[in-house]
Amino acid sequence: MGLVKDKADRAFRHAENAKKAAANLDGAPPTHDDVLAQTMFGLWKDLLPNHAQNSAPEAPANVGRQFLWDQALKHAFPEGPEDGGKAVYSIVTRLHELRNRVSHMEPLLRANLSQRMQDAHRLLGFIEPAVREWVSGQNSVPALMRERTARGL
């Protein structure tokens, strides 16, 4: 809990506010699902073992993250590589960086959007290959990117 206490508390407060905004006047406290729906993407990144080059694997926070990965989180990615969470961490970190750039309205001209799309699909494949295939079939972004390239943008 020490890894994510601040973010979990924030998610709980957001869930309480969402319940009130939805006119839930019965005073019922937020459910687990309410809180989960209010978590930020950064929380999920912070749960993963940090495999960045400058990380300290022996740091208490990272030891806790690795323990959490080994005991529970790796089971959320049953089709992923058995690498201690390195691939998941790398992909989630890149997607989080893109998400931050988008949310802060930063230019994406130099962002490799095709690679980030592949990252997202690869991550989905780690969870469930059939879902990855379904999402890939629904995805209109590659066609839009080809059109953009054809127009010289």
Protein backbone atom coordinates (compact mmCIF):
# COMPACT_ATOMS: atom_id res chain seq x y z
CA MET A 1 0.00 0.00 0.00
CA GLY A 2 2.95 2.29 0.64
CA LEU A 3 3.74 2.26 -3.09
CA VAL A 4 0.45 3.87 -4.08
CA LYS A 5 -1.14 5.35 -0.94
CA ASP A 6 -1.40 8.92 -2.25
CA LYS A 7 -2.82 7.83 -5.60
CA ALA A 8 -5.22 5.37 -3.99
CA ASP A 9 -6.46 8.08 -1.62
CA ARG A 10 -6.95 10.43 -4.59
CA ALA A 11 -8.89 7.72 -6.46
CA PHE A 12 -11.12 7.23 -3.40
CA ARG A 13 -11.82 10.99 -3.21
CA HIS A 14 -12.61 11.09 -6.94
CA ALA A 15 -14.94 8.11 -6.53
CA GLU A 16 -16.75 9.86 -3.66
CA ASN A 17 -17.14 13.00 -5.76
CA ALA A 18 -18.34 10.99 -8.77
CA LYS A 19 -20.97 9.30 -6.62
CA LYS A 20 -22.20 12.66 -5.36
CA ALA A 21 -22.21 14.13 -8.87
CA ALA A 22 -24.27 11.19 -10.07
CA ALA A 23 -26.93 12.16 -7.52
CA ASN A 24 -26.31 9.11 -5.38
CA LEU A 25 -27.87 10.67 -2.32
CA ASP A 26 -28.27 7.47 -0.34
CA GLY A 27 -24.94 8.13 1.34
CA ALA A 28 -23.48 4.78 0.30
CA PRO A 29 -19.68 4.81 0.36
CA PRO A 30 -17.88 4.23 -2.92
CA THR A 31 -17.48 0.60 -3.86
CA HIS A 32 -14.22 -1.08 -4.87
CA ASP A 33 -15.31 -0.72 -8.51
CA ASP A 34 -15.98 3.00 -8.03
CA VAL A 35 -12.47 3.54 -6.67
CA LEU A 36 -10.86 1.36 -9.35
CA ALA A 37 -12.61 3.38 -12.07
CA GLN A 38 -11.09 6.57 -10.67
CA THR A 39 -7.46 5.41 -10.62
CA MET A 40 -5.02 7.25 -12.83
CA PHE A 41 -2.86 5.56 -15.46
CA GLY A 42 0.24 6.57 -13.51
CA LEU A 43 -0.84 4.38 -10.61
CA TRP A 44 -0.58 1.29 -12.78
CA LYS A 45 2.90 2.26 -13.91
CA ASP A 46 3.91 2.80 -10.29
CA LEU A 47 2.84 -0.73 -9.34
CA LEU A 48 5.23 -2.34 -11.82
CA PRO A 49 8.84 -3.16 -10.98
CA ASN A 50 11.00 -0.30 -12.19
CA HIS A 51 13.38 -1.64 -14.82
CA ALA A 52 14.68 1.75 -15.99
CA GLN A 53 18.44 1.92 -16.46
CA ASN A 54 18.89 4.30 -13.54
CA SER A 55 16.64 2.35 -11.15
CA ALA A 56 17.93 0.67 -8.04
CA PRO A 57 16.54 -2.89 -7.91
CA GLU A 58 17.48 -3.15 -4.24
CA ALA A 59 15.57 0.02 -3.24
CA PRO A 60 12.71 -0.84 -0.84
CA ALA A 61 10.03 0.51 -3.19
CA ASN A 62 11.34 -1.54 -6.08
CA VAL A 63 11.66 -4.66 -3.93
CA GLY A 64 7.99 -4.18 -3.05
CA ARG A 65 7.04 -3.69 -6.69
CA GLN A 66 8.93 -6.83 -7.70
CA PHE A 67 7.22 -8.79 -4.92
CA LEU A 68 3.82 -7.50 -6.10
CA TRP A 69 4.71 -8.51 -9.67
CA ASP A 70 5.88 -11.99 -8.67
CA GLN A 71 2.90 -12.68 -6.41
CA ALA A 72 0.05 -11.12 -8.38
CA LEU A 73 0.56 -8.76 -11.30
CA LYS A 74 2.33 -11.21 -13.60
CA HIS A 75 -0.92 -13.20 -13.63
CA ALA A 76 -2.66 -10.25 -15.31
CA PHE A 77 -0.33 -10.75 -18.28
CA PRO A 78 -0.41 -14.53 -18.77
CA GLU A 79 0.78 -14.36 -22.38
CA GLY A 80 3.68 -11.99 -21.65
CA PRO A 81 7.33 -12.94 -21.48
CA GLU A 82 8.73 -14.35 -18.26
CA ASP A 83 11.16 -11.49 -17.72
CA GLY A 84 10.20 -10.22 -14.27
CA GLY A 85 7.94 -7.53 -15.72
CA LYS A 86 10.57 -5.81 -17.88
CA ALA A 87 8.54 -5.87 -21.11
CA VAL A 88 5.33 -4.74 -19.40
CA TYR A 89 7.17 -1.95 -17.58
CA SER A 90 8.82 -0.73 -20.80
CA ILE A 91 5.58 -0.69 -22.76
CA VAL A 92 3.52 0.92 -19.99
CA THR A 93 6.22 3.56 -19.46
CA ARG A 94 6.21 4.50 -23.17
CA LEU A 95 2.40 4.60 -23.29
CA HIS A 96 2.32 6.69 -20.10
CA GLU A 97 4.76 9.15 -21.65
CA LEU A 98 2.56 9.44 -24.76
CA ARG A 99 -0.54 9.83 -22.62
CA ASN A 100 1.13 12.67 -20.70
CA ARG A 101 2.16 14.41 -23.91
CA VAL A 102 -1.40 14.19 -25.23
CA SER A 103 -2.97 15.34 -21.96
CA HIS A 104 -0.59 18.31 -21.72
CA MET A 105 -1.32 19.17 -25.37
CA GLU A 106 2.34 18.85 -26.34
CA PRO A 107 3.25 18.37 -30.02
CA LEU A 108 3.26 14.79 -31.25
CA LEU A 109 5.05 15.44 -34.53
CA ARG A 110 8.16 13.57 -33.41
CA ALA A 111 6.28 10.87 -31.51
CA ASN A 112 6.42 7.46 -33.12
CA LEU A 113 2.68 6.86 -33.04
CA SER A 114 2.95 3.68 -35.07
CA GLN A 115 5.33 2.22 -32.50
CA ARG A 116 3.11 3.28 -29.60
CA MET A 117 0.16 1.59 -31.33
CA GLN A 118 2.24 -1.56 -31.61
CA ASP A 119 3.08 -1.20 -27.91
CA ALA A 120 -0.60 -0.99 -26.99
CA HIS A 121 -1.46 -4.01 -29.11
CA ARG A 122 1.47 -5.98 -27.72
CA LEU A 123 0.37 -5.19 -24.16
CA LEU A 124 -3.16 -6.33 -25.00
CA GLY A 125 -1.67 -9.52 -26.41
CA PHE A 126 0.11 -10.15 -23.11
CA ILE A 127 -3.32 -10.05 -21.45
CA GLU A 128 -5.45 -11.83 -24.06
CA PRO A 129 -4.44 -12.39 -27.70
CA ALA A 130 -8.08 -12.62 -28.85
CA VAL A 131 -8.76 -9.13 -27.49
CA ARG A 132 -5.65 -7.82 -29.25
CA GLU A 133 -6.93 -9.28 -32.52
CA TRP A 134 -10.40 -7.80 -32.00
CA VAL A 135 -9.01 -4.35 -31.17
CA SER A 136 -6.67 -4.53 -34.16
CA GLY A 137 -9.65 -5.24 -36.41
CA GLN A 138 -11.58 -2.25 -35.01
CA ASN A 139 -8.69 0.17 -35.16
CA SER A 140 -9.01 2.95 -37.77
CA VAL A 141 -5.81 4.76 -36.74
CA PRO A 142 -3.47 2.92 -39.17
CA ALA A 143 -5.65 3.96 -42.13
CA LEU A 144 -5.67 7.55 -40.91
CA MET A 145 -1.89 7.48 -40.53
CA ARG A 146 -1.47 6.10 -44.08
CA GLU A 147 -3.75 8.85 -45.39
CA ARG A 148 -1.74 11.45 -43.51
CA THR A 149 1.48 10.10 -45.01
CA ALA A 150 -0.01 10.03 -48.51
CA ARG A 151 -0.90 13.70 -48.19
CA GLY A 152 2.64 14.50 -47.07
CA LEU A 153 1.70 15.52 -43.53
